[in-house]
PDB file of N, CA and C in Angstrom:
ATOM      1  N   MET A   1       0.748  -1.179   0.146  1.00  0.00           N
ATOM      2  CA  MET A   1      -0.019  -0.017   0.133  1.00  0.00           C
ATOM      3  C   MET A   1       0.860   0.953   0.198  1.00  0.00           C
ATOM      4  N   GLY A   2       1.230   1.710  -0.775  1.00  0.00           N
ATOM      5  CA  GLY A   2       2.011   2.923  -1.535  1.00  0.00           C
ATOM      6  C   GLY A   2       1.003   4.250  -1.572  1.00  0.00           C
ATOM      7  N   ILE A   3       1.653   5.270  -1.304  1.00  0.00           N
ATOM      8  CA  ILE A   3       1.075   6.603  -1.376  1.00  0.00           C
ATOM      9  C   ILE A   3       1.259   7.019  -3.085  1.00  0.00           C
ATOM     10  N   GLU A   4       0.016   7.189  -3.730  1.00  0.00           N
ATOM     11  CA  GLU A   4       0.260   7.774  -4.962  1.00  0.00           C
ATOM     12  C   GLU A   4       0.730   9.096  -5.201  1.00  0.00           C
ATOM     13  N   PRO A   5       1.688   9.448  -5.973  1.00  0.00           N
ATOM     14  CA  PRO A   5       1.913  10.776  -6.055  1.00  0.00           C
ATOM     15  C   PRO A   5       0.681  11.447  -6.878  1.00  0.00           C
ATOM     16  N   LYS A   6       0.590  12.867  -6.485  1.00  0.00           N
ATOM     17  CA  LYS A   6      -0.406  13.678  -6.798  1.00  0.00           C
ATOM     18  C   LYS A   6       0.044  13.969  -8.509  1.00  0.00           C
ATOM     19  N   LYS A   7      -0.854  14.025  -9.282  1.00  0.00           N
ATOM     20  CA  LYS A   7      -0.797  14.243 -10.724  1.00  0.00           C
ATOM     21  C   LYS A   7      -0.572  15.937 -10.842  1.00  0.00           C
ATOM     22  N   LYS A   8       0.255  16.617 -11.457  1.00  0.00           N
ATOM     23  CA  LYS A   8       0.703  18.110 -11.449  1.00  0.00           C
ATOM     24  C   LYS A   8      -0.673  18.745 -12.334  1.00  0.00           C
ATOM     25  N   THR A   9      -1.097  19.569 -11.871  1.00  0.00           N
ATOM     26  CA  THR A   9      -2.147  20.656 -12.667  1.00  0.00           C
ATOM     27  C   THR A   9      -1.638  22.150 -12.467  1.00  0.00           C
ATOM     28  N   GLY A  10      -2.030  22.807 -13.841  1.00  0.00           N
ATOM     29  CA  GLY A  10      -1.462  24.194 -13.416  1.00  0.00           C
ATOM     30  C   GLY A  10      -0.397  24.251 -13.717  1.00  0.00           C
ATOM     31  N   GLY A  11       0.129  25.664 -13.576  1.00  0.00           N
ATOM     32  CA  GLY A  11       1.951  25.944 -13.908  1.00  0.00           C
ATOM     33  C   GLY A  11       1.800  26.709 -14.991  1.00  0.00           C
ATOM     34  N   ARG A  12       2.995  26.908 -15.043  1.00  0.00           N
ATOM     35  CA  ARG A  12       3.326  27.663 -16.825  1.00  0.00           C
ATOM     36  C   ARG A  12       3.311  26.626 -17.960  1.00  0.00           C
ATOM     37  N   LYS A  13       2.750  27.115 -19.089  1.00  0.00           N
ATOM     38  CA  LYS A  13       2.703  26.162 -20.255  1.00  0.00           C
ATOM     39  C   LYS A  13       3.921  26.201 -20.930  1.00  0.00           C
ATOM     40  N   LYS A  14       4.413  25.135 -21.635  1.00  0.00           N
ATOM     41  CA  LYS A  14       5.683  25.204 -22.057  1.00  0.00           C
ATOM     42  C   LYS A  14       5.804  26.261 -22.895  1.00  0.00           C
ATOM     43  N   GLY A  15       7.225  27.016 -22.818  1.00  0.00           N
ATOM     44  CA  GLY A  15       7.453  27.816 -23.822  1.00  0.00           C
ATOM     45  C   GLY A  15       7.263  29.411 -23.107  1.00  0.00           C
ATOM     46  N   ILE A  16       6.336  29.347 -22.246  1.00  0.00           N
ATOM     47  CA  ILE A  16       5.827  30.594 -21.368  1.00  0.00           C
ATOM     48  C   ILE A  16       7.004  30.868 -20.159  1.00  0.00           C
ATOM     49  N   GLY A  17       7.510  32.303 -20.366  1.00  0.00           N
ATOM     50  CA  GLY A  17       8.764  32.672 -19.774  1.00  0.00           C
ATOM     51  C   GLY A  17       8.332  32.912 -18.318  1.00  0.00           C
ATOM     52  N   ASN A  18       9.378  32.834 -17.300  1.00  0.00           N
ATOM     53  CA  ASN A  18       8.863  33.025 -15.776  1.00  0.00           C
ATOM     54  C   ASN A  18       8.909  34.530 -15.915  1.00  0.00           C
ATOM     55  N   LYS A  19       7.610  35.154 -15.041  1.00  0.00           N
ATOM     56  CA  LYS A  19       7.614  36.520 -14.974  1.00  0.00           C
ATOM     57  C   LYS A  19       8.493  37.211 -14.208  1.00  0.00           C
ATOM     58  N   VAL A  20       9.039  36.613 -13.023  1.00  0.00           N
ATOM     59  CA  VAL A  20      10.149  37.593 -12.260  1.00  0.00           C
ATOM     60  C   VAL A  20      11.659  37.668 -13.420  1.00  0.00           C
ATOM     61  N   THR A  21      11.724  36.481 -13.883  1.00  0.00           N
ATOM     62  CA  THR A  21      13.291  36.635 -14.527  1.00  0.00           C
ATOM     63  C   THR A  21      12.863  37.511 -15.843  1.00  0.00           C
ATOM     64  N   THR A  22      11.726  37.556 -16.762  1.00  0.00           N
ATOM     65  CA  THR A  22      11.389  38.621 -17.635  1.00  0.00           C
ATOM     66  C   THR A  22      11.299  39.666 -16.999  1.00  0.00           C
ATOM     67  N   THR A  23      10.740  40.348 -15.820  1.00  0.00           N
ATOM     68  CA  THR A  23      10.703  41.634 -15.327  1.00  0.00           C
ATOM     69  C   THR A  23      12.141  42.018 -14.890  1.00  0.00           C
ATOM     70  N   LEU A  24      13.054  41.202 -14.386  1.00  0.00           N
ATOM     71  CA  LEU A  24      14.338  41.412 -13.758  1.00  0.00           C
ATOM     72  C   LEU A  24      15.216  41.844 -14.988  1.00  0.00           C
ATOM     73  N   ARG A  25      15.019  40.945 -16.247  1.00  0.00           N
ATOM     74  CA  ARG A  25      15.493  41.290 -17.358  1.00  0.00           C
ATOM     75  C   ARG A  25      15.469  42.568 -18.148  1.00  0.00           C
ATOM     76  N   GLN A  26      13.898  43.077 -18.174  1.00  0.00           N
ATOM     77  CA  GLN A  26      13.692  44.242 -18.608  1.00  0.00           C
ATOM     78  C   GLN A  26      14.193  45.418 -17.510  1.00  0.00           C
ATOM     79  N   ARG A  27      14.255  45.118 -16.601  1.00  0.00           N
ATOM     80  CA  ARG A  27      14.922  46.333 -15.495  1.00  0.00           C
ATOM     81  C   ARG A  27      16.483  46.212 -15.427  1.00  0.00           C
ATOM     82  N   ILE A  28      17.115  45.230 -15.783  1.00  0.00           N
ATOM     83  CA  ILE A  28      18.485  45.349 -16.172  1.00  0.00           C
ATOM     84  C   ILE A  28      18.849  46.056 -17.281  1.00  0.00           C
ATOM     85  N   ASP A  29      17.943  45.699 -18.399  1.00  0.00           N
ATOM     86  CA  ASP A  29      18.323  46.250 -19.559  1.00  0.00           C
ATOM     87  C   ASP A  29      17.973  48.103 -19.634  1.00  0.00           C
ATOM     88  N   LEU A  30      17.020  48.037 -18.748  1.00  0.00           N
ATOM     89  CA  LEU A  30      16.720  49.472 -18.672  1.00  0.00           C
ATOM     90  C   LEU A  30      17.740  50.520 -18.002  1.00  0.00           C
ATOM     91  N   PHE A  31      18.212  49.799 -16.939  1.00  0.00           N
ATOM     92  CA  PHE A  31      19.288  50.417 -16.104  1.00  0.00           C
ATOM     93  C   PHE A  31      20.625  50.615 -17.014  1.00  0.00           C
ATOM     94  N   ILE A  32      20.727  49.558 -17.926  1.00  0.00           N
ATOM     95  CA  ILE A  32      22.038  49.628 -18.907  1.00  0.00           C
ATOM     96  C   ILE A  32      21.714  50.840 -19.681  1.00  0.00           C
ATOM     97  N   ASN A  33      20.552  50.933 -20.399  1.00  0.00           N
ATOM     98  CA  ASN A  33      20.433  51.674 -21.284  1.00  0.00           C
ATOM     99  C   ASN A  33      20.347  53.474 -20.553  1.00  0.00           C
ATOM    100  N   ARG A  34      20.019  53.502 -19.644  1.00  0.00           N
ATOM    101  CA  ARG A  34      19.831  54.735 -18.865  1.00  0.00           C
ATOM    102  C   ARG A  34      21.057  55.338 -18.443  1.00  0.00           C
ATOM    103  N   ASN A  35      22.051  54.180 -18.112  1.00  0.00           N
ATOM    104  CA  ASN A  35      23.636  54.240 -17.484  1.00  0.00           C
ATOM    105  C   ASN A  35      24.746  54.101 -18.459  1.00  0.00           C
ATOM    106  N   PHE A  36      24.143  53.995 -19.839  1.00  0.00           N
ATOM    107  CA  PHE A  36      25.369  53.294 -20.984  1.00  0.00           C
ATOM    108  C   PHE A  36      26.583  54.203 -20.702  1.00  0.00           C
ATOM    109  N   GLU A  37      26.539  55.954 -20.844  1.00  0.00           N
ATOM    110  CA  GLU A  37      27.525  56.800 -21.081  1.00  0.00           C
ATOM    111  C   GLU A  37      28.318  56.704 -19.849  1.00  0.00           C
ATOM    112  N   ALA A  38      28.157  56.367 -18.792  1.00  0.00           N
ATOM    113  CA  ALA A  38      28.544  56.337 -17.188  1.00  0.00           C
ATOM    114  C   ALA A  38      29.462  55.257 -17.284  1.00  0.00           C
ATOM    115  N   ILE A  39      28.703  54.044 -17.680  1.00  0.00           N
ATOM    116  CA  ILE A  39      29.339  52.600 -17.775  1.00  0.00           C
ATOM    117  C   ILE A  39      30.518  52.828 -18.645  1.00  0.00           C
ATOM    118  N   GLN A  40      30.575  53.274 -19.884  1.00  0.00           N
ATOM    119  CA  GLN A  40      31.549  53.212 -20.614  1.00  0.00           C
ATOM    120  C   GLN A  40      32.529  54.321 -20.290  1.00  0.00           C
ATOM    121  N   ASP A  41      32.160  55.562 -19.480  1.00  0.00           N
ATOM    122  CA  ASP A  41      33.158  56.236 -18.876  1.00  0.00           C
ATOM    123  C   ASP A  41      33.991  55.520 -18.111  1.00  0.00           C
ATOM    124  N   GLU A  42      33.528  54.827 -17.118  1.00  0.00           N
ATOM    125  CA  GLU A  42      34.240  54.034 -16.298  1.00  0.00           C
ATOM    126  C   GLU A  42      34.901  52.925 -16.929  1.00  0.00           C
ATOM    127  N   TYR A  43      34.629  52.395 -17.905  1.00  0.00           N
ATOM    128  CA  TYR A  43      35.258  51.155 -18.766  1.00  0.00           C
ATOM    129  C   TYR A  43      36.691  51.716 -19.342  1.00  0.00           C
ATOM    130  N   ASP A  44      36.249  52.914 -19.683  1.00  0.00           N
ATOM    131  CA  ASP A  44      37.455  54.016 -20.358  1.00  0.00           C
ATOM    132  C   ASP A  44      38.766  54.034 -19.170  1.00  0.00           C
ATOM    133  N   THR A  45      38.444  54.190 -18.010  1.00  0.00           N
ATOM    134  CA  THR A  45      39.452  54.241 -17.015  1.00  0.00           C
ATOM    135  C   THR A  45      40.359  53.189 -16.810  1.00  0.00           C
ATOM    136  N   LEU A  46      39.629  51.961 -17.136  1.00  0.00           N
ATOM    137  CA  LEU A  46      40.038  50.627 -16.428  1.00  0.00           C
ATOM    138  C   LEU A  46      41.411  50.323 -17.441  1.00  0.00           C
ATOM    139  N   PRO A  47      42.450  49.648 -16.560  1.00  0.00           N
ATOM    140  CA  PRO A  47      43.474  49.014 -17.295  1.00  0.00           C
ATOM    141  C   PRO A  47      43.177  47.937 -18.295  1.00  0.00           C
ATOM    142  N   ALA A  48      44.136  47.866 -19.221  1.00  0.00           N
ATOM    143  CA  ALA A  48      43.718  46.656 -20.108  1.00  0.00           C
ATOM    144  C   ALA A  48      43.308  45.209 -19.662  1.00  0.00           C
ATOM    145  N   LYS A  49      44.155  44.727 -18.490  1.00  0.00           N
ATOM    146  CA  LYS A  49      43.583  43.301 -17.946  1.00  0.00           C
ATOM    147  C   LYS A  49      42.090  43.533 -17.722  1.00  0.00           C
ATOM    148  N   GLU A  50      41.855  44.736 -16.826  1.00  0.00           N
ATOM    149  CA  GLU A  50      40.333  44.701 -16.502  1.00  0.00           C
ATOM    150  C   GLU A  50      39.528  45.091 -17.558  1.00  0.00           C
ATOM    151  N   LYS A  51      39.783  46.000 -18.295  1.00  0.00           N
ATOM    152  CA  LYS A  51      39.248  45.968 -19.807  1.00  0.00           C
ATOM    153  C   LYS A  51      38.435  44.334 -20.250  1.00  0.00           C
ATOM    154  N   LEU A  52      39.875  43.627 -20.590  1.00  0.00           N
ATOM    155  CA  LEU A  52      39.564  42.436 -21.246  1.00  0.00           C
ATOM    156  C   LEU A  52      38.717  41.322 -20.031  1.00  0.00           C
ATOM    157  N   ASN A  53      38.826  41.266 -18.649  1.00  0.00           N
ATOM    158  CA  ASN A  53      38.001  40.819 -17.714  1.00  0.00           C
ATOM    159  C   ASN A  53      36.348  41.060 -18.054  1.00  0.00           C
ATOM    160  N   PHE A  54      36.333  42.256 -17.911  1.00  0.00           N
ATOM    161  CA  PHE A  54      35.226  42.961 -18.048  1.00  0.00           C
ATOM    162  C   PHE A  54      34.288  42.438 -19.601  1.00  0.00           C
ATOM    163  N   ILE A  55      34.785  42.621 -20.775  1.00  0.00           N
ATOM    164  CA  ILE A  55      34.339  42.088 -22.038  1.00  0.00           C
ATOM    165  C   ILE A  55      34.044  40.453 -21.717  1.00  0.00           C
ATOM    166  N   SER A  56      34.979  39.834 -21.260  1.00  0.00           N
ATOM    167  CA  SER A  56      34.716  38.531 -21.113  1.00  0.00           C
ATOM    168  C   SER A  56      33.753  37.937 -20.528  1.00  0.00           C
ATOM    169  N   GLN A  57      33.560  38.819 -19.414  1.00  0.00           N
ATOM    170  CA  GLN A  57      32.135  38.495 -18.543  1.00  0.00           C
ATOM    171  C   GLN A  57      31.037  38.748 -19.112  1.00  0.00           C
ATOM    172  N   LEU A  58      30.776  40.118 -19.708  1.00  0.00           N
ATOM    173  CA  LEU A  58      29.852  40.363 -20.745  1.00  0.00           C
ATOM    174  C   LEU A  58      29.472  39.241 -21.698  1.00  0.00           C
ATOM    175  N   PHE A  59      30.807  38.692 -22.336  1.00  0.00           N
ATOM    176  CA  PHE A  59      30.275  37.441 -23.342  1.00  0.00           C
ATOM    177  C   PHE A  59      29.534  36.410 -22.648  1.00  0.00           C
ATOM    178  N   ALA A  60      29.774  36.203 -21.492  1.00  0.00           N
ATOM    179  CA  ALA A  60      28.685  35.064 -20.724  1.00  0.00           C
ATOM    180  C   ALA A  60      27.219  35.138 -21.028  1.00  0.00           C
ATOM    181  N   TYR A  61      26.918  36.661 -21.329  1.00  0.00           N
ATOM    182  CA  TYR A  61      25.652  37.103 -21.349  1.00  0.00           C
ATOM    183  C   TYR A  61      25.128  37.123 -23.025  1.00  0.00           C
ATOM    184  N   SER A  62      25.983  37.257 -23.711  1.00  0.00           N
ATOM    185  CA  SER A  62      25.531  37.472 -25.025  1.00  0.00           C
ATOM    186  C   SER A  62      25.988  36.328 -26.077  1.00  0.00           C
ATOM    187  N   VAL A  63      26.893  35.530 -25.808  1.00  0.00           N
ATOM    188  CA  VAL A  63      27.623  34.312 -26.350  1.00  0.00           C
ATOM    189  C   VAL A  63      27.162  33.292 -25.973  1.00  0.00           C
ATOM    190  N   PRO A  64      27.052  31.951 -26.588  1.00  0.00           N
ATOM    191  CA  PRO A  64      26.602  30.841 -25.815  1.00  0.00           C
ATOM    192  C   PRO A  64      28.139  30.297 -25.337  1.00  0.00           C
ATOM    193  N   LYS A  65      28.143  29.291 -24.301  1.00  0.00           N
ATOM    194  CA  LYS A  65      29.202  28.860 -23.873  1.00  0.00           C
ATOM    195  C   LYS A  65      29.715  27.654 -24.952  1.00  0.00           C
ATOM    196  N   LEU A  66      30.618  27.606 -25.588  1.00  0.00           N
ATOM    197  CA  LEU A  66      31.018  26.405 -26.356  1.00  0.00           C
ATOM    198  C   LEU A  66      32.025  25.481 -25.988  1.00  0.00           C
ATOM    199  N   ALA A  67      32.553  25.923 -24.631  1.00  0.00           N
ATOM    200  CA  ALA A  67      33.826  25.091 -24.458  1.00  0.00           C
ATOM    201  C   ALA A  67      33.396  24.788 -23.007  1.00  0.00           C
ATOM    202  N   SER A  68      34.362  23.846 -22.515  1.00  0.00           N
ATOM    203  CA  SER A  68      34.182  23.661 -21.078  1.00  0.00           C
ATOM    204  C   SER A  68      35.233  24.395 -20.432  1.00  0.00           C
ATOM    205  N   THR A  69      34.987  24.175 -19.088  1.00  0.00           N
ATOM    206  CA  THR A  69      35.499  25.496 -17.939  1.00  0.00           C
ATOM    207  C   THR A  69      37.304  25.245 -18.008  1.00  0.00           C
ATOM    208  N   THR A  70      37.713  23.881 -18.575  1.00  0.00           N
ATOM    209  CA  THR A  70      39.115  23.565 -18.888  1.00  0.00           C
ATOM    210  C   THR A  70      39.625  24.845 -19.586  1.00  0.00           C
ATOM    211  N   SER A  71      38.801  24.979 -20.439  1.00  0.00           N
ATOM    212  CA  SER A  71      39.326  25.733 -21.774  1.00  0.00           C
ATOM    213  C   SER A  71      39.386  27.356 -21.148  1.00  0.00           C
ATOM    214  N   ASP A  72      38.353  27.563 -20.357  1.00  0.00           N
ATOM    215  CA  ASP A  72      38.466  28.837 -19.822  1.00  0.00           C
ATOM    216  C   ASP A  72      39.533  29.004 -18.854  1.00  0.00           C
ATOM    217  N   VAL A  73      40.247  27.950 -18.352  1.00  0.00           N
ATOM    218  CA  VAL A  73      41.277  27.989 -17.576  1.00  0.00           C
ATOM    219  C   VAL A  73      42.080  28.360 -18.128  1.00  0.00           C
ATOM    220  N   ASN A  74      42.501  27.557 -19.194  1.00  0.00           N
ATOM    221  CA  ASN A  74      43.793  27.790 -20.166  1.00  0.00           C
ATOM    222  C   ASN A  74      43.861  28.963 -20.923  1.00  0.00           C
ATOM    223  N   ILE A  75      42.644  29.695 -20.875  1.00  0.00           N
ATOM    224  CA  ILE A  75      42.649  31.033 -21.762  1.00  0.00           C
ATOM    225  C   ILE A  75      43.087  31.940 -20.756  1.00  0.00           C
ATOM    226  N   LYS A  76      42.545  31.944 -19.523  1.00  0.00           N
ATOM    227  CA  LYS A  76      42.952  32.961 -18.441  1.00  0.00           C
ATOM    228  C   LYS A  76      44.314  32.528 -18.067  1.00  0.00           C
ATOM    229  N   THR A  77      45.156  31.412 -18.217  1.00  0.00           N
ATOM    230  CA  THR A  77      46.330  31.265 -17.535  1.00  0.00           C
ATOM    231  C   THR A  77      47.291  32.076 -18.656  1.00  0.00           C
ATOM    232  N   LYS A  78      46.748  31.742 -20.356  1.00  0.00           N
ATOM    233  CA  LYS A  78      47.525  32.373 -21.357  1.00  0.00           C
ATOM    234  C   LYS A  78      47.734  33.949 -20.941  1.00  0.00           C
ATOM    235  N   LEU A  79      46.253  34.377 -20.833  1.00  0.00           N
ATOM    236  CA  LEU A  79      46.085  35.909 -20.658  1.00  0.00           C
ATOM    237  C   LEU A  79      47.071  36.538 -19.391  1.00  0.00           C
ATOM    238  N   GLU A  80      47.026  35.744 -18.488  1.00  0.00           N
ATOM    239  CA  GLU A  80      47.749  36.246 -17.201  1.00  0.00           C
ATOM    240  C   GLU A  80      49.454  36.395 -17.853  1.00  0.00           C
ATOM    241  N   GLU A  81      49.680  35.491 -18.878  1.00  0.00           N
ATOM    242  CA  GLU A  81      51.040  35.584 -19.106  1.00  0.00           C
ATOM    243  C   GLU A  81      51.502  36.619 -20.318  1.00  0.00           C
ATOM    244  N   LEU A  82      50.469  37.608 -20.515  1.00  0.00           N
ATOM    245  CA  LEU A  82      50.342  38.560 -21.615  1.00  0.00           C
ATOM    246  C   LEU A  82      51.023  39.691 -20.821  1.00  0.00           C
ATOM    247  N   SER A  83      51.871  40.503 -21.618  1.00  0.00           N
ATOM    248  CA  SER A  83      52.391  41.863 -21.070  1.00  0.00           C
ATOM    249  C   SER A  83      51.265  42.882 -21.008  1.00  0.00           C
ATOM    250  N   THR A  84      51.241  43.797 -20.730  1.00  0.00           N
ATOM    251  CA  THR A  84      50.192  45.136 -20.884  1.00  0.00           C
ATOM    252  C   THR A  84      50.011  45.685 -22.272  1.00  0.00           C
ATOM    253  N   ASP A  85      51.323  45.538 -22.873  1.00  0.00           N
ATOM    254  CA  ASP A  85      50.910  45.879 -24.293  1.00  0.00           C
ATOM    255  C   ASP A  85      50.161  44.940 -25.466  1.00  0.00           C
ATOM    256  N   GLN A  86      50.452  43.658 -24.848  1.00  0.00           N
ATOM    257  CA  GLN A  86      49.908  42.757 -25.525  1.00  0.00           C
ATOM    258  C   GLN A  86      48.316  42.946 -25.050  1.00  0.00           C
ATOM    259  N   LEU A  87      48.265  42.887 -24.262  1.00  0.00           N
ATOM    260  CA  LEU A  87      46.766  42.760 -23.463  1.00  0.00           C
ATOM    261  C   LEU A  87      45.807  44.035 -24.143  1.00  0.00           C
ATOM    262  N   GLU A  88      46.566  45.009 -24.355  1.00  0.00           N
ATOM    263  CA  GLU A  88      46.094  46.202 -25.073  1.00  0.00           C
ATOM    264  C   GLU A  88      45.707  46.006 -26.427  1.00  0.00           C
ATOM    265  N   LYS A  89      46.428  45.315 -27.130  1.00  0.00           N
ATOM    266  CA  LYS A  89      46.389  44.794 -28.311  1.00  0.00           C
ATOM    267  C   LYS A  89      45.168  43.906 -28.682  1.00  0.00           C
ATOM    268  N   VAL A  90      45.229  42.849 -27.492  1.00  0.00           N
ATOM    269  CA  VAL A  90      44.009  42.030 -27.540  1.00  0.00           C
ATOM    270  C   VAL A  90      42.555  42.952 -27.463  1.00  0.00           C
ATOM    271  N   VAL A  91      42.829  43.493 -26.394  1.00  0.00           N
ATOM    272  CA  VAL A  91      41.423  44.676 -26.196  1.00  0.00           C
ATOM    273  C   VAL A  91      40.792  45.418 -27.501  1.00  0.00           C
ATOM    274  N   ASN A  92      41.721  46.140 -27.859  1.00  0.00           N
ATOM    275  CA  ASN A  92      41.734  46.812 -29.193  1.00  0.00           C
ATOM    276  C   ASN A  92      41.022  45.815 -30.364  1.00  0.00           C
ATOM    277  N   GLN A  93      41.626  44.770 -30.453  1.00  0.00           N
ATOM    278  CA  GLN A  93      41.432  43.810 -31.789  1.00  0.00           C
ATOM    279  C   GLN A  93      40.005  43.300 -31.267  1.00  0.00           C
ATOM    280  N   VAL A  94      39.462  43.027 -29.731  1.00  0.00           N
ATOM    281  CA  VAL A  94      38.222  42.580 -29.490  1.00  0.00           C
ATOM    282  C   VAL A  94      37.206  43.855 -29.682  1.00  0.00           C
ATOM    283  N   LEU A  95      37.574  44.719 -29.281  1.00  0.00           N
ATOM    284  CA  LEU A  95      36.657  45.881 -29.669  1.00  0.00           C
ATOM    285  C   LEU A  95      36.347  46.316 -31.190  1.00  0.00           C
ATOM    286  N   MET A  96      37.408  46.342 -31.860  1.00  0.00           N
ATOM    287  CA  MET A  96      37.119  46.377 -33.332  1.00  0.00           C
ATOM    288  C   MET A  96      36.388  45.310 -34.240  1.00  0.00           C
ATOM    289  N   GLU A  97      36.623  44.257 -33.549  1.00  0.00           N
ATOM    290  CA  GLU A  97      35.813  42.922 -34.398  1.00  0.00           C
ATOM    291  C   GLU A  97      34.260  43.146 -33.793  1.00  0.00           C
ATOM    292  N   SER A  98      34.107  43.778 -32.546  1.00  0.00           N
ATOM    293  CA  SER A  98      32.721  43.705 -32.006  1.00  0.00           C
ATOM    294  C   SER A  98      31.727  44.906 -32.660  1.00  0.00           C
ATOM    295  N   GLU A  99      32.494  45.776 -33.376  1.00  0.00           N
ATOM    296  CA  GLU A  99      31.463  47.212 -34.048  1.00  0.00           C
ATOM    297  C   GLU A  99      31.493  46.543 -35.443  1.00  0.00           C
TER     298      GLU A  99
END
């Protein structure tokens, strides 16, 4: 004599987004749009290494992840080995390609 699990009823239909997530994304978009110039001004003051870190963090929200975390560690290690001049070149290259 076991307990029968209840059948689920209601809830979101397949393909319907979560209201909280949707609202949060809209608010974040609005915040970024309203503060874009200030964000850009702050970005412009960052050293090359921090600029590259900032860009790589943004990619997580716009570019699907295709590689495992092992690749991320390898890339980070290689970036840490670069000189400031080399990092500046990488940052400038990324910025030019994103335009």
